Protein backbone atom coordinates (compact mmCIF):
# COMPACT_ATOMS: atom_id res chain seq x y z
CA MET A 1 -14.46 -0.14 -2.11
CA SER A 2 -17.51 -2.48 -2.38
CA GLU A 3 -17.82 -6.26 -2.52
CA TYR A 4 -17.96 -7.99 -5.87
CA LYS A 5 -21.50 -8.56 -7.28
CA GLU A 6 -21.83 -11.69 -9.55
CA LEU A 7 -23.57 -11.66 -12.69
CA ASP A 8 -23.86 -14.29 -15.32
CA VAL A 9 -20.34 -14.53 -16.67
CA LEU A 10 -18.74 -11.79 -14.74
CA LYS A 11 -18.47 -10.08 -11.49
CA TYR A 12 -17.96 -6.15 -10.81
CA ARG A 13 -17.40 -3.91 -7.92
CA TRP A 14 -17.17 -0.17 -7.33
CA LEU A 15 -13.86 1.28 -6.49
CA GLU A 16 -13.63 4.73 -5.26
CA GLY A 17 -14.89 7.68 -7.51
CA ASN A 18 -17.42 5.94 -9.57
CA ILE A 19 -14.80 3.58 -11.09
CA VAL A 20 -16.24 0.18 -11.67
CA GLU A 21 -14.02 -2.92 -12.00
CA ILE A 22 -15.09 -5.78 -14.19
CA ILE A 23 -13.79 -9.22 -14.18
CA VAL A 24 -15.08 -11.73 -16.64
CA ASN A 25 -14.96 -15.36 -15.61
CA GLU A 26 -12.36 -17.76 -16.86
CA GLY A 27 -13.31 -19.39 -20.19
CA ALA A 28 -16.57 -17.20 -20.44
CA ILE A 29 -17.87 -16.25 -23.78
CA LEU A 30 -18.79 -12.45 -23.37
CA ASP A 31 -21.79 -11.45 -25.85
CA GLU A 32 -24.07 -8.57 -26.24
CA ASP A 33 -26.68 -10.02 -23.65
CA HIS A 34 -23.99 -9.98 -20.98
CA VAL A 35 -23.09 -6.42 -21.82
CA HIS A 36 -26.73 -5.41 -21.48
CA GLU A 37 -26.68 -7.08 -18.20
CA ILE A 38 -23.64 -5.21 -16.80
CA GLU A 39 -24.86 -1.93 -18.23
CA ALA A 40 -28.23 -2.42 -16.41
CA ALA A 41 -26.43 -3.38 -13.27
CA ILE A 42 -24.20 -0.39 -13.31
CA ARG A 43 -26.99 2.15 -14.07
CA ASN A 44 -28.96 0.52 -11.16
CA ASP A 45 -26.13 1.21 -8.75
CA VAL A 46 -25.03 4.77 -9.82
CA SER A 47 -25.78 7.60 -12.06
CA GLY A 48 -23.49 10.16 -13.70
CA PRO A 49 -20.16 9.72 -15.27
CA ILE A 50 -18.27 6.58 -14.42
CA GLY A 51 -14.94 4.97 -15.07
CA VAL A 52 -14.75 1.28 -16.34
CA LEU A 53 -11.66 -0.79 -15.53
CA ILE A 54 -11.65 -4.20 -17.27
CA ASN A 55 -9.41 -6.51 -15.20
CA GLN A 56 -8.29 -9.26 -17.53
CA LEU A 57 -7.40 -11.67 -14.76
CA HIS A 58 -8.84 -14.58 -16.67
CA GLN A 59 -8.79 -15.66 -20.29
CA TYR A 60 -12.19 -15.45 -22.05
CA GLU A 61 -13.64 -14.74 -25.53
CA SER A 62 -15.79 -11.90 -26.51
CA SER A 63 -17.91 -11.26 -29.60
CA LEU A 64 -16.93 -8.25 -31.69
CA GLU A 65 -20.57 -6.94 -31.23
CA ALA A 66 -19.97 -7.27 -27.28
CA MET A 67 -16.62 -5.29 -27.64
CA ILE A 68 -18.18 -2.52 -29.70
CA GLN A 69 -21.25 -2.28 -27.35
CA MET A 70 -18.95 -2.25 -24.09
CA SER A 71 -16.82 0.54 -25.66
CA GLU A 72 -20.11 2.48 -26.47
CA LEU A 73 -21.64 2.46 -22.75
CA ASP A 74 -23.23 5.91 -21.95
CA ASN A 75 -21.69 8.21 -19.47
CA VAL A 76 -18.31 6.60 -19.40
CA GLU A 77 -15.42 9.21 -19.01
CA CYS A 78 -12.71 6.72 -19.04
CA TYR A 79 -12.00 3.27 -20.02
CA ALA A 80 -8.83 0.98 -18.98
CA VAL A 81 -7.99 -2.34 -19.32
CA TYR A 82 -5.70 -4.13 -16.76
CA LEU A 83 -3.55 -6.90 -18.18
CA PRO A 84 -1.94 -8.91 -15.50
CA ASP A 85 0.02 -10.78 -18.36
CA PRO A 86 0.12 -8.45 -21.36
CA ALA A 87 1.67 -11.02 -23.40
CA ASP A 88 -1.35 -13.09 -23.84
CA ASN A 89 -4.35 -10.98 -24.19
CA PRO A 90 -5.59 -10.19 -27.73
CA VAL A 91 -9.07 -9.07 -26.53
CA ALA A 92 -7.63 -5.80 -24.95
CA GLU A 93 -5.77 -5.03 -28.34
CA THR A 94 -8.98 -5.49 -30.34
CA MET A 95 -10.83 -3.37 -27.83
CA GLN A 96 -8.29 -0.66 -28.28
CA LEU A 97 -8.66 -0.88 -32.15
CA ILE A 98 -12.43 -0.36 -31.74
CA ASN A 99 -12.09 2.56 -29.19
CA PRO A 100 -8.49 4.16 -29.33
CA GLU A 101 -9.22 5.93 -26.11
CA ILE A 102 -9.08 2.80 -24.07
CA LEU A 103 -6.16 2.77 -21.91
CA ILE A 104 -4.19 -0.39 -21.30
CA PHE A 105 -2.08 -1.10 -18.14
CA ASP A 106 0.08 -3.87 -16.73
CA ASN A 107 -0.16 -2.22 -13.42
CA ARG A 108 -3.77 -2.22 -11.69
CA ASN A 109 -2.81 0.61 -9.22
CA GLN A 110 -1.45 2.76 -11.84
CA ALA A 111 -4.54 2.25 -13.99
CA ILE A 112 -6.76 3.39 -11.14
CA SER A 113 -4.51 6.36 -10.46
CA ILE A 114 -4.60 7.45 -13.97
CA MET A 115 -8.41 6.83 -14.34
CA ARG A 116 -8.91 9.01 -11.31
CA SER A 117 -6.83 11.66 -12.83
CA GLU A 118 -8.61 11.60 -16.19
CA MET A 119 -11.94 11.73 -14.46
CA GLY A 120 -10.78 14.87 -12.46
CA LEU A 121 -10.86 13.00 -9.16
CA SER A 122 -8.01 13.44 -6.55
CA VAL A 123 -5.17 11.06 -7.26
CA LYS A 124 -4.24 8.93 -4.34
CA VAL A 125 -2.13 5.74 -4.09
CA GLN A 126 -4.39 2.64 -3.96
CA TYR A 127 -3.16 -0.69 -2.31
CA LEU A 128 -5.94 -3.11 -3.53
């Protein structure tokens, strides 16, 4: 597992098996330019199929265009959203309306295990 890399309104890190975890900063407004920034950073780090885990640790806003663009990133085999507090996160529900294949979890380790399985990677217990 790598260290977090900071971008304008978010940070990301690589977990095992080409799964990238993205955490948007508290109170940020995620727009299309930010999605372009994360996409370029991801493609700079790794090639081939990836999994995207959006960790909604913080409350933030996202434009509809950014959500659509995020759901259409190239070479993404599996999308998941981890909601530490599922009761207060409308962004994840909207993302799932845009892309019904997005998986929503309230347990981060379970999200990672399911993503590994979906991507054909060996499933192992993660204690992160």
